[in-house]
Amino acid sequence: DRPLQVRAASLRGSEIRLVVAGSLGGRDGVHRFDGRING
């Protein structure tokens, strides 16, 4: 129920990166999301 804390976010062209800290899927720590936007 605790919100995740966004530590960093970047967008370059279609490349996106988010770095968040907190509990996600039962795992505590830092989570880095790397993705490509398509539509």
PDB file of all heavy atoms in Angstrom:
ATOM      1  N   ASP A   1       0.808  -1.213   0.000  1.00  0.00           N
ATOM      2  CA  ASP A   1       0.000   0.000   0.000  1.00  0.00           C
ATOM      3  C   ASP A   1       0.846   1.270   0.000  1.00  0.00           C
ATOM      4  O   ASP A   1       0.329   2.350  -0.225  1.00  0.00           O
ATOM      5  CB  ASP A   1      -0.927   0.024   1.220  1.00  0.00           C
ATOM      6  CG  ASP A   1      -1.970  -1.081   1.148  1.00  0.00           C
ATOM      7  OD1 ASP A   1      -2.274  -1.527   0.030  1.00  0.00           O
ATOM      8  OD2 ASP A   1      -2.459  -1.494   2.211  1.00  0.00           O
ATOM      9  N   ARG A   2       2.150   1.136   0.282  1.00  0.00           N
ATOM     10  CA  ARG A   2       3.005   2.312   0.305  1.00  0.00           C
ATOM     11  C   ARG A   2       3.374   2.704  -1.112  1.00  0.00           C
ATOM     12  O   ARG A   2       3.676   1.841  -1.947  1.00  0.00           O
ATOM     13  CB  ARG A   2       4.281   2.030   1.102  1.00  0.00           C
ATOM     14  CG  ARG A   2       4.008   2.019   2.592  1.00  0.00           C
ATOM     15  CD  ARG A   2       5.287   2.060   3.349  1.00  0.00           C
ATOM     16  NE  ARG A   2       6.118   0.909   3.003  1.00  0.00           N
ATOM     17  CZ  ARG A   2       7.009   0.374   3.819  1.00  0.00           C
ATOM     18  NH1 ARG A   2       7.219   0.879   4.992  1.00  0.00           N
ATOM     19  NH2 ARG A   2       7.709  -0.674   3.445  1.00  0.00           N
ATOM     20  N   PRO A   3       3.382   4.016  -1.395  1.00  0.00           N
ATOM     21  CA  PRO A   3       3.725   4.435  -2.758  1.00  0.00           C
ATOM     22  C   PRO A   3       5.190   4.192  -3.069  1.00  0.00           C
ATOM     23  O   PRO A   3       6.043   4.215  -2.178  1.00  0.00           O
ATOM     24  CB  PRO A   3       3.407   5.932  -2.757  1.00  0.00           C
ATOM     25  CG  PRO A   3       3.434   6.348  -1.325  1.00  0.00           C
ATOM     26  CD  PRO A   3       3.048   5.131  -0.526  1.00  0.00           C
ATOM     27  N   LEU A   4       5.465   3.945  -4.320  1.00  0.00           N
ATOM     28  CA  LEU A   4       6.850   3.844  -4.779  1.00  0.00           C
ATOM     29  C   LEU A   4       7.416   5.247  -4.924  1.00  0.00           C
ATOM     30  O   LEU A   4       6.700   6.191  -5.254  1.00  0.00           O
ATOM     31  CB  LEU A   4       6.911   3.123  -6.126  1.00  0.00           C
ATOM     32  CG  LEU A   4       6.501   1.662  -6.111  1.00  0.00           C
ATOM     33  CD1 LEU A   4       6.336   1.151  -7.530  1.00  0.00           C
ATOM     34  CD2 LEU A   4       7.511   0.822  -5.355  1.00  0.00           C
ATOM     35  N   GLN A   5       8.705   5.387  -4.705  1.00  0.00           N
ATOM     36  CA  GLN A   5       9.358   6.682  -4.830  1.00  0.00           C
ATOM     37  C   GLN A   5      10.143   6.702  -6.141  1.00  0.00           C
ATOM     38  O   GLN A   5      11.017   5.861  -6.363  1.00  0.00           O
ATOM     39  CB  GLN A   5      10.305   6.891  -3.646  1.00  0.00           C
ATOM     40  CG  GLN A   5      10.999   8.233  -3.668  1.00  0.00           C
ATOM     41  CD  GLN A   5      11.905   8.402  -2.469  1.00  0.00           C
ATOM     42  OE1 GLN A   5      12.636   7.508  -2.098  1.00  0.00           O
ATOM     43  NE2 GLN A   5      11.843   9.567  -1.868  1.00  0.00           N
ATOM     44  N   VAL A   6       9.805   7.659  -7.014  1.00  0.00           N
ATOM     45  CA  VAL A   6      10.519   7.792  -8.286  1.00  0.00           C
ATOM     46  C   VAL A   6      11.836   8.509  -8.014  1.00  0.00           C
ATOM     47  O   VAL A   6      11.855   9.626  -7.502  1.00  0.00           O
ATOM     48  CB  VAL A   6       9.676   8.561  -9.325  1.00  0.00           C
ATOM     49  CG1 VAL A   6      10.472   8.750 -10.606  1.00  0.00           C
ATOM     50  CG2 VAL A   6       8.377   7.828  -9.602  1.00  0.00           C
ATOM     51  N   ARG A   7      12.942   7.846  -8.335  1.00  0.00           N
ATOM     52  CA  ARG A   7      14.265   8.420  -8.115  1.00  0.00           C
ATOM     53  C   ARG A   7      14.788   9.098  -9.368  1.00  0.00           C
ATOM     54  O   ARG A   7      15.559  10.037  -9.289  1.00  0.00           O
ATOM     55  CB  ARG A   7      15.249   7.320  -7.702  1.00  0.00           C
ATOM     56  CG  ARG A   7      14.909   6.676  -6.380  1.00  0.00           C
ATOM     57  CD  ARG A   7      15.531   7.463  -5.239  1.00  0.00           C
ATOM     58  NE  ARG A   7      15.180   6.923  -3.950  1.00  0.00           N
ATOM     59  CZ  ARG A   7      15.865   5.986  -3.308  1.00  0.00           C
ATOM     60  NH1 ARG A   7      16.928   5.456  -3.874  1.00  0.00           N
ATOM     61  NH2 ARG A   7      15.472   5.577  -2.124  1.00  0.00           N
ATOM     62  N   ALA A   8      14.408   8.578 -10.535  1.00  0.00           N
ATOM     63  CA  ALA A   8      14.882   9.162 -11.801  1.00  0.00           C
ATOM     64  C   ALA A   8      13.926   8.750 -12.904  1.00  0.00           C
ATOM     65  O   ALA A   8      13.294   7.703 -12.824  1.00  0.00           O
ATOM     66  CB  ALA A   8      16.296   8.685 -12.123  1.00  0.00           C
ATOM     67  N   ALA A   9      13.832   9.600 -13.916  1.00  0.00           N
ATOM     68  CA  ALA A   9      13.014   9.287 -15.088  1.00  0.00           C
ATOM     69  C   ALA A   9      13.646   9.973 -16.283  1.00  0.00           C
ATOM     70  O   ALA A   9      14.073  11.121 -16.187  1.00  0.00           O
ATOM     71  CB  ALA A   9      11.576   9.769 -14.892  1.00  0.00           C
ATOM     72  N   SER A  10      13.733   9.265 -17.397  1.00  0.00           N
ATOM     73  CA  SER A  10      14.268   9.890 -18.606  1.00  0.00           C
ATOM     74  C   SER A  10      13.547   9.342 -19.825  1.00  0.00           C
ATOM     75  O   SER A  10      13.058   8.218 -19.827  1.00  0.00           O
ATOM     76  CB  SER A  10      15.781   9.663 -18.730  1.00  0.00           C
ATOM     77  OG  SER A  10      16.064   8.296 -18.933  1.00  0.00           O
ATOM     78  N   LEU A  11      13.488  10.184 -20.828  1.00  0.00           N
ATOM     79  CA  LEU A  11      12.866   9.822 -22.100  1.00  0.00           C
ATOM     80  C   LEU A  11      13.746  10.371 -23.206  1.00  0.00           C
ATOM     81  O   LEU A  11      14.021  11.575 -23.258  1.00  0.00           O
ATOM     82  CB  LEU A  11      11.457  10.426 -22.185  1.00  0.00           C
ATOM     83  CG  LEU A  11      10.683  10.194 -23.473  1.00  0.00           C
ATOM     84  CD1 LEU A  11      10.423   8.716 -23.682  1.00  0.00           C
ATOM     85  CD2 LEU A  11       9.380  10.968 -23.446  1.00  0.00           C
ATOM     86  N   ARG A  12      14.241   9.469 -24.063  1.00  0.00           N
ATOM     87  CA  ARG A  12      15.048   9.861 -25.225  1.00  0.00           C
ATOM     88  C   ARG A  12      14.454   9.197 -26.446  1.00  0.00           C
ATOM     89  O   ARG A  12      14.573   7.989 -26.591  1.00  0.00           O
ATOM     90  CB  ARG A  12      16.498   9.394 -25.054  1.00  0.00           C
ATOM     91  CG  ARG A  12      17.327  10.300 -24.216  1.00  0.00           C
ATOM     92  CD  ARG A  12      18.809  10.069 -24.472  1.00  0.00           C
ATOM     93  NE  ARG A  12      19.579  10.837 -23.518  1.00  0.00           N
ATOM     94  CZ  ARG A  12      20.087  10.339 -22.396  1.00  0.00           C
ATOM     95  NH1 ARG A  12      19.934   9.073 -22.109  1.00  0.00           N
ATOM     96  NH2 ARG A  12      20.770  11.113 -21.580  1.00  0.00           N
ATOM     97  N   GLY A  13      13.834   9.981 -27.285  1.00  0.00           N
ATOM     98  CA  GLY A  13      13.165   9.387 -28.443  1.00  0.00           C
ATOM     99  C   GLY A  13      12.092   8.426 -27.973  1.00  0.00           C
ATOM    100  O   GLY A  13      11.170   8.814 -27.272  1.00  0.00           O
ATOM    101  N   SER A  14      12.231   7.147 -28.327  1.00  0.00           N
ATOM    102  CA  SER A  14      11.239   6.151 -27.907  1.00  0.00           C
ATOM    103  C   SER A  14      11.733   5.327 -26.716  1.00  0.00           C
ATOM    104  O   SER A  14      11.071   4.389 -26.302  1.00  0.00           O
ATOM    105  CB  SER A  14      10.907   5.218 -29.073  1.00  0.00           C
ATOM    106  OG  SER A  14      12.063   4.509 -29.467  1.00  0.00           O
ATOM    107  N   GLU A  15      12.901   5.692 -26.156  1.00  0.00           N
ATOM    108  CA  GLU A  15      13.469   4.943 -25.029  1.00  0.00           C
ATOM    109  C   GLU A  15      13.080   5.624 -23.713  1.00  0.00           C
ATOM    110  O   GLU A  15      13.306   6.822 -23.546  1.00  0.00           O
ATOM    111  CB  GLU A  15      14.997   4.896 -25.124  1.00  0.00           C
ATOM    112  CG  GLU A  15      15.514   4.251 -26.390  1.00  0.00           C
ATOM    113  CD  GLU A  15      15.301   2.756 -26.429  1.00  0.00           C
ATOM    114  OE1 GLU A  15      15.362   2.119 -25.365  1.00  0.00           O
ATOM    115  OE2 GLU A  15      15.064   2.225 -27.526  1.00  0.00           O
ATOM    116  N   ILE A  16      12.518   4.854 -22.798  1.00  0.00           N
ATOM    117  CA  ILE A  16      12.114   5.392 -21.504  1.00  0.00           C
ATOM    118  C   ILE A  16      12.807   4.603 -20.396  1.00  0.00           C
ATOM    119  O   ILE A  16      13.032   3.399 -20.529  1.00  0.00           O
ATOM    120  CB  ILE A  16      10.576   5.351 -21.326  1.00  0.00           C
ATOM    121  CG1 ILE A  16      10.152   6.103 -20.075  1.00  0.00           C
ATOM    122  CG2 ILE A  16      10.044   3.939 -21.354  1.00  0.00           C
ATOM    123  CD1 ILE A  16       8.660   6.385 -20.011  1.00  0.00           C
ATOM    124  N   ARG A  17      13.198   5.317 -19.341  1.00  0.00           N
ATOM    125  CA  ARG A  17      13.792   4.662 -18.164  1.00  0.00           C
ATOM    126  C   ARG A  17      13.212   5.302 -16.915  1.00  0.00           C
ATOM    127  O   ARG A  17      13.163   6.522 -16.804  1.00  0.00           O
ATOM    128  CB  ARG A  17      15.304   4.814 -18.162  1.00  0.00           C
ATOM    129  CG  ARG A  17      15.934   4.290 -16.869  1.00  0.00           C
ATOM    130  CD  ARG A  17      17.424   4.320 -16.903  1.00  0.00           C
ATOM    131  NE  ARG A  17      17.892   3.253 -17.782  1.00  0.00           N
ATOM    132  CZ  ARG A  17      19.178   3.044 -18.054  1.00  0.00           C
ATOM    133  NH1 ARG A  17      20.091   3.824 -17.550  1.00  0.00           N
ATOM    134  NH2 ARG A  17      19.521   2.048 -18.852  1.00  0.00           N
ATOM    135  N   LEU A  18      12.763   4.455 -15.999  1.00  0.00           N
ATOM    136  CA  LEU A  18      12.267   4.897 -14.695  1.00  0.00           C
ATOM    137  C   LEU A  18      13.041   4.138 -13.624  1.00  0.00           C
ATOM    138  O   LEU A  18      13.228   2.918 -13.745  1.00  0.00           O
ATOM    139  CB  LEU A  18      10.780   4.584 -14.530  1.00  0.00           C
ATOM    140  CG  LEU A  18       9.822   5.225 -15.513  1.00  0.00           C
ATOM    141  CD1 LEU A  18       8.437   4.614 -15.360  1.00  0.00           C
ATOM    142  CD2 LEU A  18       9.753   6.714 -15.285  1.00  0.00           C
ATOM    143  N   VAL A  19      13.480   4.833 -12.603  1.00  0.00           N
ATOM    144  CA  VAL A  19      14.122   4.195 -11.455  1.00  0.00           C
ATOM    145  C   VAL A  19      13.254   4.501 -10.246  1.00  0.00           C
ATOM    146  O   VAL A  19      13.030   5.674  -9.924  1.00  0.00           O
ATOM    147  CB  VAL A  19      15.567   4.712 -11.253  1.00  0.00           C
ATOM    148  CG1 VAL A  19      16.195   4.033 -10.039  1.00  0.00           C
ATOM    149  CG2 VAL A  19      16.407   4.474 -12.498  1.00  0.00           C
ATOM    150  N   VAL A  20      12.726   3.455  -9.625  1.00  0.00           N
ATOM    151  CA  VAL A  20      11.837   3.632  -8.478  1.00  0.00           C
ATOM    152  C   VAL A  20      12.360   2.811  -7.301  1.00  0.00           C
ATOM    153  O   VAL A  20      13.037   1.798  -7.490  1.00  0.00           O
ATOM    154  CB  VAL A  20      10.378   3.230  -8.803  1.00  0.00           C
ATOM    155  CG1 VAL A  20       9.801   4.090  -9.908  1.00  0.00           C
ATOM    156  CG2 VAL A  20      10.268   1.775  -9.176  1.00  0.00           C
ATOM    157  N   ALA A  21      12.043   3.272  -6.095  1.00  0.00           N
ATOM    158  CA  ALA A  21      12.454   2.568  -4.886  1.00  0.00           C
ATOM    159  C   ALA A  21      11.210   2.211  -4.084  1.00  0.00           C
ATOM    160  O   ALA A  21      10.255   2.978  -4.036  1.00  0.00           O
ATOM    161  CB  ALA A  21      13.382   3.447  -4.056  1.00  0.00           C
ATOM    162  N   GLY A  22      11.233   1.041  -3.467  1.00  0.00           N
ATOM    163  CA  GLY A  22      10.126   0.605  -2.634  1.00  0.00           C
ATOM    164  C   GLY A  22       9.867  -0.874  -2.807  1.00  0.00           C
ATOM    165  O   GLY A  22      10.689  -1.601  -3.350  1.00  0.00           O
ATOM    166  N   SER A  23       8.702  -1.299  -2.358  1.00  0.00           N
ATOM    167  CA  SER A  23       8.321  -2.702  -2.450  1.00  0.00           C
ATOM    168  C   SER A  23       7.475  -2.908  -3.703  1.00  0.00           C
ATOM    169  O   SER A  23       6.448  -2.262  -3.890  1.00  0.00           O
ATOM    170  CB  SER A  23       7.532  -3.105  -1.202  1.00  0.00           C
ATOM    171  OG  SER A  23       7.184  -4.466  -1.274  1.00  0.00           O
ATOM    172  N   LEU A  24       7.933  -3.813  -4.547  1.00  0.00           N
ATOM    173  CA  LEU A  24       7.246  -4.075  -5.812  1.00  0.00           C
ATOM    174  C   LEU A  24       7.242  -5.577  -6.039  1.00  0.00           C
ATOM    175  O   LEU A  24       8.298  -6.201  -6.091  1.00  0.00           O
ATOM    176  CB  LEU A  24       7.977  -3.355  -6.954  1.00  0.00           C
ATOM    177  CG  LEU A  24       7.352  -3.394  -8.332  1.00  0.00           C
ATOM    178  CD1 LEU A  24       6.018  -2.672  -8.341  1.00  0.00           C
ATOM    179  CD2 LEU A  24       8.279  -2.763  -9.341  1.00  0.00           C
ATOM    180  N   GLY A  25       6.054  -6.149  -6.126  1.00  0.00           N
ATOM    181  CA  GLY A  25       5.954  -7.593  -6.330  1.00  0.00           C
ATOM    182  C   GLY A  25       6.591  -8.393  -5.206  1.00  0.00           C
ATOM    183  O   GLY A  25       7.157  -9.448  -5.441  1.00  0.00           O
ATOM    184  N   GLY A  26       6.521  -7.850  -3.991  1.00  0.00           N
ATOM    185  CA  GLY A  26       7.102  -8.548  -2.857  1.00  0.00           C
ATOM    186  C   GLY A  26       8.600  -8.363  -2.707  1.00  0.00           C
ATOM    187  O   GLY A  26       9.217  -8.960  -1.828  1.00  0.00           O
ATOM    188  N   ARG A  27       9.208  -7.570  -3.583  1.00  0.00           N
ATOM    189  CA  ARG A  27      10.654  -7.332  -3.525  1.00  0.00           C
ATOM    190  C   ARG A  27      10.921  -5.895  -3.127  1.00  0.00           C
ATOM    191  O   ARG A  27      10.437  -4.978  -3.789  1.00  0.00           O
ATOM    192  CB  ARG A  27      11.297  -7.580  -4.897  1.00  0.00           C
ATOM    193  CG  ARG A  27      11.109  -8.962  -5.455  1.00  0.00           C
ATOM    194  CD  ARG A  27      12.231  -9.884  -5.161  1.00  0.00           C
ATOM    195  NE  ARG A  27      13.489  -9.167  -5.063  1.00  0.00           N
ATOM    196  CZ  ARG A  27      14.652  -9.687  -5.344  1.00  0.00           C
ATOM    197  NH1 ARG A  27      14.723 -10.911  -5.767  1.00  0.00           N
ATOM    198  NH2 ARG A  27      15.760  -8.992  -5.204  1.00  0.00           N
ATOM    199  N   ASP A  28      11.691  -5.716  -2.061  1.00  0.00           N
ATOM    200  CA  ASP A  28      12.095  -4.376  -1.641  1.00  0.00           C
ATOM    201  C   ASP A  28      13.369  -3.984  -2.363  1.00  0.00           C
ATOM    202  O   ASP A  28      14.201  -4.839  -2.654  1.00  0.00           O
ATOM    203  CB  ASP A  28      12.371  -4.344  -0.131  1.00  0.00           C
ATOM    204  CG  ASP A  28      11.102  -4.375   0.688  1.00  0.00           C
ATOM    205  OD1 ASP A  28      10.079  -3.852   0.204  1.00  0.00           O
ATOM    206  OD2 ASP A  28      11.134  -4.932   1.794  1.00  0.00           O
ATOM    207  N   GLY A  29      13.523  -2.700  -2.626  1.00  0.00           N
ATOM    208  CA  GLY A  29      14.775  -2.232  -3.201  1.00  0.00           C
ATOM    209  C   GLY A  29      14.549  -1.238  -4.310  1.00  0.00           C
ATOM    210  O   GLY A  29      13.528  -0.568  -4.388  1.00  0.00           O
ATOM    211  N   VAL A  30      15.554  -1.173  -5.188  1.00  0.00           N
ATOM    212  CA  VAL A  30      15.528  -0.258  -6.327  1.00  0.00           C
ATOM    213  C   VAL A  30      15.178  -1.065  -7.568  1.00  0.00           C
ATOM    214  O   VAL A  30      15.741  -2.134  -7.813  1.00  0.00           O
ATOM    215  CB  VAL A  30      16.897   0.442  -6.485  1.00  0.00           C
ATOM    216  CG1 VAL A  30      16.910   1.315  -7.730  1.00  0.00           C
ATOM    217  CG2 VAL A  30      17.201   1.281  -5.246  1.00  0.00           C
ATOM    218  N   HIS A  31      14.248  -0.540  -8.359  1.00  0.00           N
ATOM    219  CA  HIS A  31      13.772  -1.215  -9.566  1.00  0.00           C
ATOM    220  C   HIS A  31      13.999  -0.274 -10.741  1.00  0.00           C
ATOM    221  O   HIS A  31      13.564   0.880 -10.706  1.00  0.00           O
ATOM    222  CB  HIS A  31      12.282  -1.549  -9.448  1.00  0.00           C
ATOM    223  CG  HIS A  31      11.908  -2.156  -8.134  1.00  0.00           C
ATOM    224  ND1 HIS A  31      12.050  -3.495  -7.866  1.00  0.00           N
ATOM    225  CD2 HIS A  31      11.428  -1.592  -6.989  1.00  0.00           C
ATOM    226  CE1 HIS A  31      11.650  -3.740  -6.616  1.00  0.00           C
ATOM    227  NE2 HIS A  31      11.273  -2.590  -6.084  1.00  0.00           N
ATOM    228  N   ARG A  32      14.686  -0.751 -11.784  1.00  0.00           N
ATOM    229  CA  ARG A  32      14.936   0.072 -12.965  1.00  0.00           C
ATOM    230  C   ARG A  32      14.129  -0.486 -14.140  1.00  0.00           C
ATOM    231  O   ARG A  32      14.330  -1.621 -14.560  1.00  0.00           O
ATOM    232  CB  ARG A  32      16.424   0.076 -13.316  1.00  0.00           C
ATOM    233  CG  ARG A  32      16.746   1.127 -14.365  1.00  0.00           C
ATOM    234  CD  ARG A  32      18.210   1.142 -14.687  1.00  0.00           C
ATOM    235  NE  ARG A  32      18.496   0.181 -15.742  1.00  0.00           N
ATOM    236  CZ  ARG A  32      19.662  -0.404 -15.920  1.00  0.00           C
ATOM    237  NH1 ARG A  32      20.666  -0.161 -15.093  1.00  0.00           N
ATOM    238  NH2 ARG A  32      19.845  -1.250 -16.894  1.00  0.00           N
ATOM    239  N   PHE A  33      13.219   0.331 -14.624  1.00  0.00           N
ATOM    240  CA  PHE A  33      12.382  -0.039 -15.760  1.00  0.00           C
ATOM    241  C   PHE A  33      12.989   0.562 -17.023  1.00  0.00           C
ATOM    242  O   PHE A  33      13.130   1.779 -17.121  1.00  0.00           O
ATOM    243  CB  PHE A  33      10.961   0.521 -15.593  1.00  0.00           C
ATOM    244  CG  PHE A  33      10.168  -0.117 -14.486  1.00  0.00           C
ATOM    245  CD1 PHE A  33      10.340   0.290 -13.171  1.00  0.00           C
ATOM    246  CD2 PHE A  33       9.248  -1.104 -14.768  1.00  0.00           C
ATOM    247  CE1 PHE A  33       9.609  -0.291 -12.146  1.00  0.00           C
ATOM    248  CE2 PHE A  33       8.506  -1.680 -13.751  1.00  0.00           C
ATOM    249  CZ  PHE A  33       8.690  -1.275 -12.441  1.00  0.00           C
ATOM    250  N   ASP A  34      13.366  -0.279 -17.978  1.00  0.00           N
ATOM    251  CA  ASP A  34      13.843   0.177 -19.274  1.00  0.00           C
ATOM    252  C   ASP A  34      12.838  -0.285 -20.312  1.00  0.00           C
ATOM    253  O   ASP A  34      12.442  -1.453 -20.303  1.00  0.00           O
ATOM    254  CB  ASP A  34      15.212  -0.430 -19.602  1.00  0.00           C
ATOM    255  CG  ASP A  34      16.312   0.090 -18.698  1.00  0.00           C
ATOM    256  OD1 ASP A  34      16.331   1.306 -18.443  1.00  0.00           O
ATOM    257  OD2 ASP A  34      17.156  -0.708 -18.253  1.00  0.00           O
ATOM    258  N   GLY A  35      12.422   0.617 -21.183  1.00  0.00           N
ATOM    259  CA  GLY A  35      11.441   0.211 -22.177  1.00  0.00           C
ATOM    260  C   GLY A  35      11.503   1.033 -23.443  1.00  0.00           C
ATOM    261  O   GLY A  35      12.173   2.061 -23.522  1.00  0.00           O
ATOM    262  N   ARG A  36      10.804   0.533 -24.445  1.00  0.00           N
ATOM    263  CA  ARG A  36      10.693   1.203 -25.738  1.00  0.00           C
ATOM    264  C   ARG A  36       9.217   1.488 -25.990  1.00  0.00           C
ATOM    265  O   ARG A  36       8.390   0.591 -25.879  1.00  0.00           O
ATOM    266  CB  ARG A  36      11.254   0.327 -26.847  1.00  0.00           C
ATOM    267  CG  ARG A  36      11.177   0.964 -28.234  1.00  0.00           C
ATOM    268  CD  ARG A  36      11.811   0.083 -29.284  1.00  0.00           C
ATOM    269  NE  ARG A  36      13.259   0.004 -29.133  1.00  0.00           N
ATOM    270  CZ  ARG A  36      14.101   0.901 -29.642  1.00  0.00           C
ATOM    271  NH1 ARG A  36      13.659   1.924 -30.320  1.00  0.00           N
ATOM    272  NH2 ARG A  36      15.398   0.736 -29.480  1.00  0.00           N
ATOM    273  N   ILE A  37       8.924   2.729 -26.315  1.00  0.00           N
ATOM    274  CA  ILE A  37       7.549   3.142 -26.584  1.00  0.00           C
ATOM    275  C   ILE A  37       7.230   2.857 -28.045  1.00  0.00           C
ATOM    276  O   ILE A  37       8.008   3.193 -28.936  1.00  0.00           O
ATOM    277  CB  ILE A  37       7.372   4.642 -26.287  1.00  0.00           C
ATOM    278  CG1 ILE A  37       7.714   4.922 -24.827  1.00  0.00           C
ATOM    279  CG2 ILE A  37       5.964   5.100 -26.628  1.00  0.00           C
ATOM    280  CD1 ILE A  37       7.875   6.388 -24.503  1.00  0.00           C
ATOM    281  N   ASN A  38       6.081   2.218 -28.262  1.00  0.00           N
ATOM    282  CA  ASN A  38       5.627   1.921 -29.620  1.00  0.00           C
ATOM    283  C   ASN A  38       4.131   2.191 -29.656  1.00  0.00           C
ATOM    284  O   ASN A  38       3.346   1.375 -29.194  1.00  0.00           O
ATOM    285  CB  ASN A  38       5.944   0.463 -29.972  1.00  0.00           C
ATOM    286  CG  ASN A  38       5.604   0.144 -31.412  1.00  0.00           C
ATOM    287  OD1 ASN A  38       5.174   1.007 -32.172  1.00  0.00           O
ATOM    288  ND2 ASN A  38       5.799  -1.102 -31.799  1.00  0.00           N
ATOM    289  N   GLY A  39       3.743   3.367 -30.148  1.00  0.00           N
ATOM    290  CA  GLY A  39       2.332   3.741 -30.170  1.00  0.00           C
ATOM    291  C   GLY A  39       1.816   3.928 -28.756  1.00  0.00           C
ATOM    292  O   GLY A  39       2.360   4.717 -27.989  1.00  0.00           O
TER     293      GLY A  39
END
